[in-house]
Amino acid sequence: MIVLAANETFYHGILRWDLGFDNPNKAAILLALLLLPLLAVILRARRSWMVWGCAMLALPIGYAFVHTFSRGGFVALATAGGLLLAASARHLRADRKRLIPLLVVGLSLAAGAILTGFSARMADSVPTRDASIGNRLLIWKTVPRMMVDAPGGWGAGHAGEAFMGWYQPLDRHERYRTLVNSHLTWLTEWGWCGRWLYVTGWLSILGLGLVRWKKRSDALPLALWVCLGIGGFFSSVAEELVIWILPALATVPLVQTFLAETPTRRGILSAGASVASGLLLILFAVIGHLNPIHNIALHRTADGERIIVGVDEPTAWIVFDDTTMGGPTYGRALREFLRTPEGSRRSVGIATQLNAVPKDVRHLILCGMVAGQTDKPLRAFPQLETVRVLSPKDPRKWLSFRKTRPNIQVFCGELSPNCPPEDLPGLKTIPGAGDYLPTWPRLAFTEP
């Protein structure tokens, strides 16, 4: 599955290698993770054959890495490699011959980057000129608000459609499966508890990596986790389990380091990560409250069963139906409606199922298959004033209920096979529409 509909497979006519993944960025991070242990051996091994053996092995891996053209992969590799170099500075000063294999590998990578044009792509990475970077920034700035609007999260696998439906500018139509960032995707999909655990986990791992570097002069575990973390920030690479193998193995020495500490030090490390995580999430919440993405107030309940749009308690509720309302990005149509004079200042509610609708609802809208074949469920709502049924499977059945419930209105697209051909009391036919009703917000929420 492609993360972006406009995902680049070629760069100036040169194929970007993906090694069988759905995204070259995933291949780049995997290759970067393979290069880091080789670099560590080159920097630390005592036997020259091991040093040169790893250097020669790094050349084809580096060649493949360059052909991914992944800028996020380059940043991840450069940062993590810099940590290894910093941790081995003393060894390099004592054994300058070790610089030769490092230069061979480094110059080979640089030459490959220049010859393929990868270096030119890096040099041209300016948001105003590069749509890939600009689109990422457009998405990422909405994340604090997405987290605030959905305290229980948007649900696993729904970050991309939540962004498109509720936060993407209406004049933009790029399609996203994720938020092109593993960390931000999961932070929006999970609730506050999951967010806190996730950030705490990362801070704990990085903190232990720093402790091991300081005590053992071993920066490889930290470098591997930093590489994965940076790679996951620039793209949705962390969803591939194979990419976690080396960082997961690097966790073993980190756990050993943690257990070797005194109970007091272990408590300080754990408490520090927990408190820092909480402070970071509080900062996200503050930014989300102070930086509204648009003028529409939005709240998704913690259980995920309801979405309230507007500042007031809604009196009109619609029960979601995928076909009638246009799929999971139905929020775009609703936002367009709320920008019109007839839709402005309205507060409406969307429920995932009829049982989630508040019992004091006054205006109820049922859609498609959700409408069912009977009006008996309506007895649970004693204050109902109007009932609108959009694209029901059996419009005649619902029209027959008008004998006892004259407040029922039925809306059908004229192209729907279920739409009655004749004019009937209580039936409104929508020209040019089928089961999907493009103007469903106006049909559902405007005055009769």
Protein backbone atom coordinates (compact mmCIF):
# COMPACT_ATOMS: atom_id res chain seq x y z
CA MET A 1 0.00 0.00 0.00
CA ILE A 2 1.36 3.43 -0.92
CA VAL A 3 1.68 5.97 1.87
CA LEU A 4 1.17 8.89 -0.49
CA ALA A 5 -0.87 8.73 -3.64
CA ALA A 6 1.86 10.76 -5.34
CA ASN A 7 4.71 8.70 -3.88
CA GLU A 8 7.92 9.03 -5.88
CA THR A 9 9.20 5.83 -7.47
CA PHE A 10 11.68 7.59 -9.72
CA TYR A 11 13.89 10.60 -9.19
CA HIS A 12 14.83 12.31 -12.46
CA GLY A 13 14.38 9.05 -14.31
CA ILE A 14 16.42 6.95 -11.85
CA LEU A 15 14.56 4.19 -10.04
CA ARG A 16 14.46 4.56 -6.27
CA TRP A 17 15.28 1.19 -4.77
CA ASP A 18 12.74 -0.11 -2.27
CA LEU A 19 14.04 -3.70 -1.78
CA GLY A 20 10.52 -5.07 -1.98
CA PHE A 21 9.02 -2.66 0.56
CA ASP A 22 6.20 -0.35 -0.46
CA ASN A 23 8.36 2.69 0.17
CA PRO A 24 12.06 3.45 -0.53
CA ASN A 25 12.29 5.19 2.85
CA LYS A 26 11.74 1.86 4.61
CA ALA A 27 14.55 0.30 2.58
CA ALA A 28 16.81 3.23 3.46
CA ILE A 29 16.32 2.84 7.21
CA LEU A 30 16.87 -0.91 7.06
CA LEU A 31 20.11 -0.37 5.12
CA ALA A 32 21.17 2.39 7.53
CA LEU A 33 20.60 0.02 10.46
CA LEU A 34 22.79 -2.57 8.72
CA LEU A 35 25.56 -0.02 8.11
CA LEU A 36 25.77 1.11 11.73
CA PRO A 37 27.11 -2.19 13.22
CA LEU A 38 29.63 -2.34 10.37
CA LEU A 39 30.73 1.19 11.20
CA ALA A 40 31.02 0.24 14.87
CA VAL A 41 33.31 -2.67 13.98
CA ILE A 42 35.44 -0.47 11.73
CA LEU A 43 35.83 1.97 14.61
CA ARG A 44 36.53 -0.56 17.37
CA ALA A 45 37.79 -3.91 15.99
CA ARG A 46 41.40 -4.69 16.86
CA ARG A 47 42.13 -6.92 13.88
CA SER A 48 42.66 -5.26 10.54
CA TRP A 49 40.98 -8.06 8.58
CA MET A 50 37.75 -7.43 10.49
CA VAL A 51 38.04 -3.71 9.88
CA TRP A 52 38.60 -4.07 6.16
CA GLY A 53 36.08 -6.90 5.85
CA CYS A 54 33.35 -4.70 7.31
CA ALA A 55 34.47 -1.79 5.13
CA MET A 56 34.14 -3.91 1.98
CA LEU A 57 30.75 -5.20 3.11
CA ALA A 58 29.60 -1.63 3.75
CA LEU A 59 30.30 -0.61 0.15
CA PRO A 60 27.44 -2.58 -1.56
CA ILE A 61 25.07 -1.76 1.30
CA GLY A 62 25.98 1.91 0.96
CA TYR A 63 25.51 1.67 -2.82
CA ALA A 64 21.98 0.37 -2.28
CA PHE A 65 21.36 3.03 0.36
CA VAL A 66 22.27 5.83 -2.06
CA HIS A 67 19.83 4.45 -4.63
CA THR A 68 16.90 4.80 -2.23
CA PHE A 69 17.25 8.62 -2.53
CA SER A 70 15.81 8.84 0.98
CA ARG A 71 16.55 12.15 2.66
CA GLY A 72 15.09 10.96 5.95
CA GLY A 73 17.32 7.89 5.71
CA PHE A 74 20.36 10.12 5.14
CA VAL A 75 19.57 12.27 8.19
CA ALA A 76 19.04 9.13 10.30
CA LEU A 77 22.30 7.53 9.13
CA ALA A 78 24.32 10.73 9.47
CA THR A 79 23.05 11.43 12.99
CA ALA A 80 23.47 7.87 14.25
CA GLY A 81 26.87 7.55 12.54
CA GLY A 82 27.92 10.82 14.14
CA LEU A 83 27.15 9.34 17.56
CA LEU A 84 29.40 6.37 16.84
CA LEU A 85 32.20 8.63 15.65
CA ALA A 86 31.87 10.81 18.74
CA ALA A 87 32.01 7.76 21.01
CA SER A 88 35.16 6.51 19.23
CA ALA A 89 37.01 9.81 18.96
CA ARG A 90 39.67 8.64 21.42
CA HIS A 91 40.29 5.44 19.46
CA LEU A 92 40.61 7.38 16.22
CA ARG A 93 43.18 9.73 17.70
CA ALA A 94 45.20 6.77 18.98
CA ASP A 95 44.96 4.77 15.74
CA ARG A 96 44.85 7.09 12.73
CA LYS A 97 45.28 4.22 10.28
CA ARG A 98 41.67 3.38 11.06
CA LEU A 99 40.71 6.55 9.19
CA ILE A 100 41.66 4.95 5.88
CA PRO A 101 38.77 2.42 5.69
CA LEU A 102 36.45 5.10 7.01
CA LEU A 103 37.51 7.43 4.20
CA VAL A 104 37.11 4.65 1.63
CA VAL A 105 33.52 4.03 2.73
CA GLY A 106 32.70 7.72 3.18
CA LEU A 107 34.14 8.81 -0.18
CA SER A 108 32.42 5.91 -1.95
CA LEU A 109 29.06 6.96 -0.51
CA ALA A 110 29.72 10.60 -1.41
CA ALA A 111 30.69 9.69 -4.98
CA GLY A 112 27.58 7.55 -5.36
CA ALA A 113 25.39 10.35 -4.04
CA ILE A 114 26.88 12.83 -6.52
CA LEU A 115 26.74 10.50 -9.53
CA THR A 116 23.13 9.42 -8.93
CA GLY A 117 21.89 12.93 -8.13
CA PHE A 118 21.03 12.08 -4.52
CA SER A 119 23.22 14.94 -3.31
CA ALA A 120 21.33 17.35 -5.59
CA ARG A 121 18.06 16.15 -4.10
CA MET A 122 19.40 16.80 -0.61
CA ALA A 123 20.59 20.28 -1.61
CA ASP A 124 17.17 21.11 -3.06
CA SER A 125 15.27 20.12 0.10
CA VAL A 126 13.51 23.44 0.66
CA PRO A 127 9.82 23.33 1.72
CA THR A 128 8.83 26.13 -0.67
CA ARG A 129 10.26 24.20 -3.63
CA ASP A 130 9.74 20.59 -2.56
CA ALA A 131 6.13 19.43 -2.39
CA SER A 132 7.09 16.32 -0.42
CA ILE A 133 8.50 18.38 2.45
CA GLY A 134 5.78 21.02 2.24
CA ASN A 135 3.04 18.40 2.45
CA ARG A 136 4.66 16.82 5.49
CA LEU A 137 4.83 20.15 7.30
CA LEU A 138 1.19 20.82 6.43
CA ILE A 139 0.19 17.52 8.04
CA TRP A 140 2.47 17.67 11.07
CA LYS A 141 1.30 21.08 12.24
CA THR A 142 -2.21 19.67 12.68
CA VAL A 143 -1.10 16.87 15.02
CA PRO A 144 -1.43 18.72 18.36
CA ARG A 145 -4.98 19.73 17.42
CA MET A 146 -5.81 16.20 16.29
CA MET A 147 -4.64 14.90 19.66
CA VAL A 148 -6.71 17.45 21.59
CA ASP A 149 -9.84 16.86 19.50
CA ALA A 150 -9.66 13.09 20.05
CA PRO A 151 -8.57 12.38 23.65
CA GLY A 152 -9.21 8.68 23.09
CA GLY A 153 -7.42 8.74 19.74
CA TRP A 154 -8.71 8.45 16.18
CA GLY A 155 -8.34 4.68 16.14
CA ALA A 156 -5.66 2.37 14.76
CA GLY A 157 -5.18 2.85 11.04
CA HIS A 158 -7.40 5.93 10.83
CA ALA A 159 -4.92 8.81 11.19
CA GLY A 160 -4.69 9.51 7.46
CA GLU A 161 -8.42 9.55 6.84
CA ALA A 162 -9.00 11.65 9.98
CA PHE A 163 -6.57 14.24 8.64
CA MET A 164 -8.13 14.26 5.18
CA GLY A 165 -11.66 14.44 6.51
CA TRP A 166 -11.31 16.98 9.30
CA TYR A 167 -8.05 18.93 8.93
CA GLN A 168 -6.79 18.96 5.36
CA PRO A 169 -7.45 22.30 3.62
CA LEU A 170 -10.48 21.92 1.39
CA ASP A 171 -8.54 23.09 -1.64
CA ARG A 172 -6.04 20.23 -1.21
CA HIS A 173 -6.81 16.70 -2.34
CA GLU A 174 -3.68 14.62 -1.65
CA ARG A 175 -4.53 11.24 -0.20
CA TYR A 176 -2.81 9.84 2.89
CA ARG A 177 -2.93 6.54 4.70
CA THR A 178 -0.81 7.78 7.58
CA LEU A 179 0.57 11.14 8.68
CA VAL A 180 3.87 10.33 6.92
CA ASN A 181 5.47 10.03 10.35
CA SER A 182 5.27 6.87 12.46
CA HIS A 183 5.45 8.67 15.79
CA LEU A 184 2.85 11.32 15.03
CA THR A 185 0.57 8.76 13.38
CA TRP A 186 0.48 6.61 16.52
CA LEU A 187 0.21 9.61 18.83
CA THR A 188 -2.99 10.67 17.05
CA GLU A 189 -4.42 7.17 16.74
CA TRP A 190 -3.95 6.29 20.43
CA GLY A 191 -5.50 7.91 23.49
CA TRP A 192 -3.63 9.95 26.09
CA CYS A 193 -2.62 6.88 28.09
CA GLY A 194 -1.14 5.17 25.04
CA ARG A 195 0.57 8.41 24.05
CA TRP A 196 2.18 8.71 27.46
CA LEU A 197 3.39 5.09 27.40
CA TYR A 198 4.80 5.51 23.89
CA VAL A 199 6.75 8.68 24.63
CA THR A 200 7.91 7.31 27.98
CA GLY A 201 9.20 4.19 26.25
CA TRP A 202 11.22 6.17 23.75
CA LEU A 203 12.67 8.50 26.36
CA SER A 204 13.60 5.52 28.54
CA ILE A 205 15.39 3.77 25.67
CA LEU A 206 17.29 6.90 24.66
CA GLY A 207 18.18 7.64 28.28
CA LEU A 208 19.56 4.13 28.80
CA GLY A 209 21.49 4.49 25.56
CA LEU A 210 23.16 7.61 26.89
CA VAL A 211 23.98 5.87 30.19
CA ARG A 212 25.58 2.93 28.38
CA TRP A 213 27.58 5.30 26.18
CA LYS A 214 28.86 7.13 29.24
CA LYS A 215 29.68 4.02 31.28
CA ARG A 216 30.82 1.55 28.60
CA SER A 217 31.77 3.88 25.71
CA ASP A 218 29.29 1.81 23.70
CA ALA A 219 27.10 4.05 21.57
CA LEU A 220 25.85 1.39 19.14
CA PRO A 221 22.54 0.64 20.94
CA LEU A 222 21.80 4.36 21.15
CA ALA A 223 22.77 4.85 17.50
CA LEU A 224 20.45 2.08 16.32
CA TRP A 225 17.49 3.49 18.24
CA VAL A 226 18.25 7.04 17.11
CA CYS A 227 18.37 5.83 13.51
CA LEU A 228 14.98 4.14 13.86
CA GLY A 229 13.53 7.12 15.68
CA ILE A 230 14.63 9.65 13.08
CA GLY A 231 13.58 7.37 10.24
CA GLY A 232 10.15 7.02 11.83
CA PHE A 233 9.87 10.78 12.10
CA PHE A 234 10.35 11.47 8.39
CA SER A 235 8.14 8.65 7.11
CA SER A 236 5.95 5.75 8.22
CA VAL A 237 8.84 3.30 8.27
CA ALA A 238 8.35 1.96 11.79
CA GLU A 239 5.26 0.01 10.74
CA GLU A 240 7.58 -2.62 9.19
CA LEU A 241 8.44 -5.20 11.85
CA VAL A 242 11.70 -6.23 10.17
CA ILE A 243 13.07 -2.73 10.75
CA TRP A 244 12.72 -3.24 14.52
CA ILE A 245 14.93 -6.35 14.66
CA LEU A 246 18.33 -4.70 15.20
CA PRO A 247 17.05 -2.01 17.60
CA ALA A 248 15.22 -4.73 19.54
CA LEU A 249 18.43 -6.76 19.82
CA ALA A 250 20.23 -3.62 20.96
CA THR A 251 17.76 -3.39 23.83
CA VAL A 252 19.37 -6.42 25.51
CA PRO A 253 22.56 -4.57 26.55
CA LEU A 254 20.45 -1.57 27.53
CA VAL A 255 18.41 -3.72 29.92
CA GLN A 256 21.66 -5.10 31.33
CA THR A 257 22.85 -1.54 31.89
CA PHE A 258 19.58 -0.67 33.61
CA LEU A 259 19.72 -3.70 35.92
CA ALA A 260 23.33 -2.93 36.81
CA GLU A 261 22.31 0.44 38.21
CA THR A 262 21.41 0.92 41.86
CA PRO A 263 17.70 0.91 42.75
CA THR A 264 17.90 4.65 43.35
CA ARG A 265 19.39 5.33 39.91
CA ARG A 266 16.83 3.04 38.27
CA GLY A 267 14.04 4.94 40.00
CA ILE A 268 15.46 8.27 38.88
CA LEU A 269 15.75 7.10 35.26
CA SER A 270 12.19 5.75 35.22
CA ALA A 271 10.69 8.78 36.96
CA GLY A 272 12.62 11.16 34.73
CA ALA A 273 11.31 9.52 31.56
CA SER A 274 7.74 9.49 32.90
CA VAL A 275 7.78 13.13 33.98
CA ALA A 276 9.44 14.30 30.77
CA SER A 277 6.86 12.39 28.74
CA GLY A 278 4.03 14.03 30.66
CA LEU A 279 5.51 17.49 30.20
CA LEU A 280 5.98 16.91 26.48
CA LEU A 281 2.36 15.80 26.07
CA ILE A 282 1.16 18.78 28.08
CA LEU A 283 3.08 20.98 25.64
CA PHE A 284 1.33 19.23 22.74
CA ALA A 285 -2.04 19.83 24.39
CA VAL A 286 -1.30 23.52 24.97
CA ILE A 287 -0.19 23.97 21.36
CA GLY A 288 -3.31 22.16 20.19
CA HIS A 289 -5.59 24.46 22.19
CA LEU A 290 -3.78 27.64 21.16
CA ASN A 291 -3.41 26.75 17.48
CA PRO A 292 -6.82 25.81 16.03
CA ILE A 293 -6.53 24.56 12.47
CA HIS A 294 -9.88 25.99 11.40
CA ASN A 295 -12.86 27.75 12.92
CA ILE A 296 -14.83 24.54 13.45
CA ALA A 297 -14.88 23.14 16.98
CA LEU A 298 -14.48 19.37 16.95
CA HIS A 299 -14.57 16.70 19.64
CA ARG A 300 -14.36 12.92 19.31
CA THR A 301 -15.46 11.12 22.45
CA ALA A 302 -12.98 8.88 24.23
CA ASP A 303 -14.88 5.74 23.23
CA GLY A 304 -14.83 6.78 19.58
CA GLU A 305 -18.61 6.41 19.25
CA ARG A 306 -19.45 10.08 18.73
CA ILE A 307 -18.07 13.17 17.03
CA ILE A 308 -19.50 16.56 17.96
CA VAL A 309 -18.94 19.43 15.55
CA GLY A 310 -19.66 22.88 16.91
CA VAL A 311 -19.42 24.66 20.24
CA ASP A 312 -22.94 23.89 21.52
CA GLU A 313 -24.57 20.62 22.48
CA PRO A 314 -26.12 19.36 19.23
CA THR A 315 -29.81 18.68 18.93
CA ALA A 316 -29.39 17.02 15.52
CA TRP A 317 -27.58 13.70 15.21
CA ILE A 318 -26.75 11.61 12.16
CA VAL A 319 -25.83 7.93 12.28
CA PHE A 320 -22.87 7.30 10.01
CA ASP A 321 -23.24 5.24 6.85
CA ASP A 322 -20.21 4.78 4.62
CA THR A 323 -22.05 4.69 1.29
CA THR A 324 -24.50 7.53 1.83
CA MET A 325 -22.00 9.95 3.37
CA GLY A 326 -19.05 9.27 1.08
CA GLY A 327 -16.71 7.10 3.10
CA PRO A 328 -14.38 7.80 6.03
CA THR A 329 -13.43 11.28 4.79
CA TYR A 330 -17.03 12.46 4.99
CA GLY A 331 -15.91 15.33 7.21
CA ARG A 332 -14.83 17.31 4.14
CA ALA A 333 -18.43 17.59 2.92
CA LEU A 334 -19.62 18.58 6.38
CA ARG A 335 -16.91 21.24 6.72
CA GLU A 336 -17.87 22.69 3.35
CA PHE A 337 -21.49 22.88 4.49
CA LEU A 338 -20.61 24.54 7.79
CA ARG A 339 -18.82 27.30 5.87
CA THR A 340 -22.04 28.25 4.07
CA PRO A 341 -24.58 30.75 5.47
CA GLU A 342 -27.15 28.00 6.09
CA GLY A 343 -24.62 25.82 7.87
CA SER A 344 -22.70 28.38 9.90
CA ARG A 345 -22.98 28.33 13.70
CA ARG A 346 -24.63 24.93 13.68
CA SER A 347 -23.66 22.18 16.07
CA VAL A 348 -24.20 18.64 14.85
CA GLY A 349 -23.40 15.17 16.11
CA ILE A 350 -22.23 12.07 14.26
CA ALA A 351 -22.73 8.66 15.88
CA THR A 352 -21.16 5.41 14.71
CA GLN A 353 -24.34 3.49 15.56
CA LEU A 354 -27.87 4.25 16.66
CA ASN A 355 -27.19 3.18 20.26
CA ALA A 356 -24.61 5.97 20.55
CA VAL A 357 -27.16 8.72 19.83
CA PRO A 358 -28.20 10.65 22.97
CA LYS A 359 -31.71 9.80 24.17
CA ASP A 360 -32.73 13.47 24.17
CA VAL A 361 -32.04 13.95 20.46
CA ARG A 362 -34.65 16.12 18.74
CA HIS A 363 -33.60 15.75 15.10
CA LEU A 364 -32.40 12.32 13.98
CA ILE A 365 -30.91 11.42 10.60
CA LEU A 366 -30.55 7.80 9.52
CA CYS A 367 -28.63 6.72 6.44
CA GLY A 368 -28.44 3.73 4.13
CA MET A 369 -28.16 0.34 5.75
CA VAL A 370 -28.23 1.94 9.21
CA ALA A 371 -31.86 2.89 8.65
CA GLY A 372 -32.92 -0.74 8.80
CA GLN A 373 -36.46 -1.90 8.00
CA THR A 374 -38.43 -0.78 11.05
CA ASP A 375 -39.12 2.34 13.07
CA LYS A 376 -39.21 0.47 16.40
CA PRO A 377 -35.73 1.71 17.48
CA LEU A 378 -37.08 5.27 17.31
CA ARG A 379 -39.11 4.61 20.45
CA ALA A 380 -35.93 5.01 22.45
CA PHE A 381 -35.94 8.74 21.64
CA PRO A 382 -39.04 10.31 23.22
CA GLN A 383 -38.21 13.91 22.27
CA LEU A 384 -37.88 13.37 18.53
CA GLU A 385 -39.29 16.20 16.44
CA THR A 386 -38.05 15.18 12.99
CA VAL A 387 -36.63 12.04 11.42
CA ARG A 388 -34.83 12.16 8.10
CA VAL A 389 -33.86 9.00 6.29
CA LEU A 390 -31.20 9.31 3.58
CA SER A 391 -30.84 6.61 0.90
CA PRO A 392 -32.63 3.82 2.80
CA LYS A 393 -32.69 0.33 1.33
CA ASP A 394 -36.49 0.35 1.28
CA PRO A 395 -37.82 3.91 0.93
CA ARG A 396 -41.46 2.77 0.61
CA LYS A 397 -41.24 0.99 3.94
CA TRP A 398 -40.08 4.16 5.66
CA LEU A 399 -42.71 6.24 3.90
CA SER A 400 -45.36 3.86 5.22
CA PHE A 401 -44.32 4.78 8.77
CA ARG A 402 -45.60 8.31 8.15
CA LYS A 403 -49.08 7.07 9.08
CA THR A 404 -47.98 7.02 12.71
CA ARG A 405 -44.91 9.28 12.41
CA PRO A 406 -45.72 12.15 10.04
CA ASN A 407 -42.39 13.80 10.92
CA ILE A 408 -40.45 11.27 8.79
CA GLN A 409 -38.86 12.50 5.54
CA VAL A 410 -37.11 10.27 3.04
CA PHE A 411 -34.38 11.42 0.61
CA CYS A 412 -33.28 9.29 -2.35
CA GLY A 413 -30.93 9.84 -5.27
CA GLU A 414 -32.78 9.52 -8.55
CA LEU A 415 -30.08 7.16 -9.88
CA SER A 416 -30.40 4.78 -6.94
CA PRO A 417 -32.08 1.45 -7.81
CA ASN A 418 -34.04 1.77 -4.57
CA CYS A 419 -35.60 5.14 -5.40
CA PRO A 420 -39.36 5.02 -6.20
CA PRO A 421 -40.05 6.41 -9.68
CA GLU A 422 -43.22 8.27 -8.67
CA ASP A 423 -43.73 11.25 -6.39
CA LEU A 424 -44.83 10.17 -2.94
CA PRO A 425 -45.70 12.22 0.15
CA GLY A 426 -42.63 12.69 2.31
CA LEU A 427 -40.20 11.67 -0.46
CA LYS A 428 -37.63 14.02 -1.94
CA THR A 429 -35.67 12.86 -4.96
CA ILE A 430 -32.15 14.24 -5.45
CA PRO A 431 -31.31 14.77 -9.15
CA GLY A 432 -28.10 13.23 -10.47
CA ALA A 433 -27.32 11.30 -7.29
CA GLY A 434 -27.26 7.60 -6.47
CA ASP A 435 -26.98 6.00 -3.04
CA TYR A 436 -24.21 8.47 -2.28
CA LEU A 437 -25.67 11.91 -1.67
CA PRO A 438 -22.97 14.58 -2.18
CA THR A 439 -25.10 17.21 -0.44
CA TRP A 440 -25.99 15.01 2.53
CA PRO A 441 -25.09 17.68 5.15
CA ARG A 442 -27.57 20.15 3.68
CA LEU A 443 -30.25 17.48 3.35
CA ALA A 444 -29.65 16.32 6.91
CA PHE A 445 -29.27 19.55 8.85
CA THR A 446 -31.10 22.40 7.11
CA GLU A 447 -34.61 23.44 8.02
CA PRO A 448 -37.41 21.63 6.11
